[in-house]
Amino acid sequence: MSLTLGTVFAQAQPQGGGMEMLIMLAVFGLVFYFMIYRPQAKRVKEHKTLMSALSKGDEVLTQGGLVGKVTKVSDEKDFVVISIAETTEVTVQKASISAVLPKGTMKSL
């Protein structure tokens, strides 16, 4: 009786089951949905709500780090004019606004 290492390993391999792979794929799909997709969808929804509620006089923080007060909101072009100093105004896209700050934040800086 001749046993080689190849025949020992060939006999030891279990038969693959398709059901186990399907369950594993479903588990990965659920993890992806609850850990990645769902939180991102919530953030997008909150950001859209923030953009629609933006009005003149709000103090905002842009993604670039600028803090300013909204002086003009353009609904059809999706742009906002922000006053960052008494004589300086900057036009930015609504999508670049990351947060609306509490009133009086600019004075405390």
Protein backbone atom coordinates (compact mmCIF):
# COMPACT_ATOMS: atom_id res chain seq x y z
CA MET A 1 0.00 0.00 0.00
CA SER A 2 1.58 3.18 -1.21
CA LEU A 3 0.43 6.40 0.45
CA THR A 4 1.79 9.60 -0.89
CA LEU A 5 1.21 13.03 0.51
CA GLY A 6 -0.93 13.97 -2.48
CA THR A 7 -3.39 11.13 -1.98
CA VAL A 8 -3.68 11.87 1.76
CA PHE A 9 -4.60 15.50 1.07
CA ALA A 10 -6.94 14.50 -1.75
CA GLN A 11 -8.86 12.19 0.58
CA ALA A 12 -9.00 14.77 3.38
CA GLN A 13 -10.69 17.53 1.36
CA PRO A 14 -14.35 17.91 2.26
CA GLN A 15 -17.01 18.18 -0.38
CA GLY A 16 -18.03 21.80 -0.95
CA GLY A 17 -21.59 22.82 -0.20
CA GLY A 18 -23.27 25.59 -2.13
CA MET A 19 -25.60 26.46 0.74
CA GLU A 20 -22.75 27.55 3.02
CA MET A 21 -21.41 29.91 0.37
CA LEU A 22 -24.87 31.35 -0.19
CA ILE A 23 -25.32 31.99 3.55
CA MET A 24 -21.89 33.62 3.75
CA LEU A 25 -22.72 35.86 0.79
CA ALA A 26 -26.00 36.88 2.41
CA VAL A 27 -24.22 37.72 5.68
CA PHE A 28 -21.69 39.88 3.83
CA GLY A 29 -24.53 41.61 1.99
CA LEU A 30 -26.30 42.42 5.27
CA VAL A 31 -23.08 43.70 6.84
CA PHE A 32 -22.48 45.91 3.81
CA TYR A 33 -26.02 47.29 3.95
CA PHE A 34 -26.07 48.07 7.67
CA MET A 35 -22.47 49.23 8.06
CA ILE A 36 -21.86 51.16 4.83
CA TYR A 37 -24.89 51.88 2.66
CA ARG A 38 -27.52 52.78 5.26
CA PRO A 39 -25.39 55.28 7.27
CA GLN A 40 -24.24 56.95 4.06
CA ALA A 41 -27.84 57.29 2.85
CA LYS A 42 -28.76 58.92 6.18
CA ARG A 43 -25.90 61.42 5.85
CA VAL A 44 -26.95 62.30 2.30
CA LYS A 45 -30.55 62.83 3.42
CA GLU A 46 -29.45 65.06 6.33
CA HIS A 47 -27.21 67.10 4.02
CA LYS A 48 -30.06 67.64 1.55
CA THR A 49 -32.28 68.80 4.42
CA LEU A 50 -29.53 71.16 5.55
CA MET A 51 -29.19 72.61 2.05
CA SER A 52 -32.93 73.15 1.62
CA ALA A 53 -33.21 74.90 5.02
CA LEU A 54 -30.32 77.27 4.31
CA SER A 55 -31.39 80.92 4.55
CA LYS A 56 -29.95 84.42 4.69
CA GLY A 57 -28.23 85.18 8.00
CA ASP A 58 -27.16 81.59 8.78
CA GLU A 59 -23.57 81.14 9.87
CA VAL A 60 -21.98 78.26 7.97
CA LEU A 61 -18.79 76.23 7.73
CA THR A 62 -17.60 75.16 4.28
CA GLN A 63 -15.66 72.02 3.47
CA GLY A 64 -12.63 74.21 2.79
CA GLY A 65 -12.73 75.58 6.34
CA LEU A 66 -14.23 79.00 5.65
CA VAL A 67 -16.63 80.34 8.27
CA GLY A 68 -19.07 82.97 7.12
CA LYS A 69 -22.59 84.37 7.14
CA VAL A 70 -24.97 83.65 4.27
CA THR A 71 -25.91 86.88 2.49
CA LYS A 72 -27.66 85.50 -0.59
CA VAL A 73 -29.16 82.13 -1.53
CA SER A 74 -29.65 81.30 -5.22
CA ASP A 75 -32.15 78.47 -5.56
CA GLU A 76 -31.99 77.89 -9.30
CA LYS A 77 -28.19 77.81 -9.55
CA ASP A 78 -27.39 76.04 -6.25
CA PHE A 79 -24.93 78.74 -5.18
CA VAL A 80 -24.68 80.71 -1.95
CA VAL A 81 -22.90 84.01 -1.30
CA ILE A 82 -21.07 84.00 2.03
CA SER A 83 -19.67 87.05 3.79
CA ILE A 84 -16.40 86.07 5.46
CA ALA A 85 -15.42 89.65 6.44
CA GLU A 86 -17.09 93.06 6.32
CA THR A 87 -15.98 93.75 2.76
CA THR A 88 -15.31 90.22 1.51
CA GLU A 89 -17.94 87.96 -0.03
CA VAL A 90 -17.35 84.52 -1.50
CA THR A 91 -19.66 82.53 -3.79
CA VAL A 92 -19.69 78.80 -3.07
CA GLN A 93 -21.80 75.84 -4.09
CA LYS A 94 -24.45 74.72 -1.63
CA ALA A 95 -22.97 71.22 -1.66
CA SER A 96 -19.68 72.55 -0.25
CA ILE A 97 -21.34 73.70 2.98
CA SER A 98 -20.64 71.11 5.64
CA ALA A 99 -22.43 72.56 8.68
CA VAL A 100 -24.70 75.35 9.87
CA LEU A 101 -23.18 76.89 12.98
CA PRO A 102 -25.04 78.35 15.97
CA LYS A 103 -25.69 82.10 15.90
CA GLY A 104 -22.79 84.14 17.28
CA THR A 105 -20.07 81.67 16.35
CA MET A 106 -18.29 84.14 14.08
CA LYS A 107 -18.03 86.73 16.85
CA SER A 108 -16.53 84.20 19.24
CA LEU A 109 -13.75 83.31 16.79
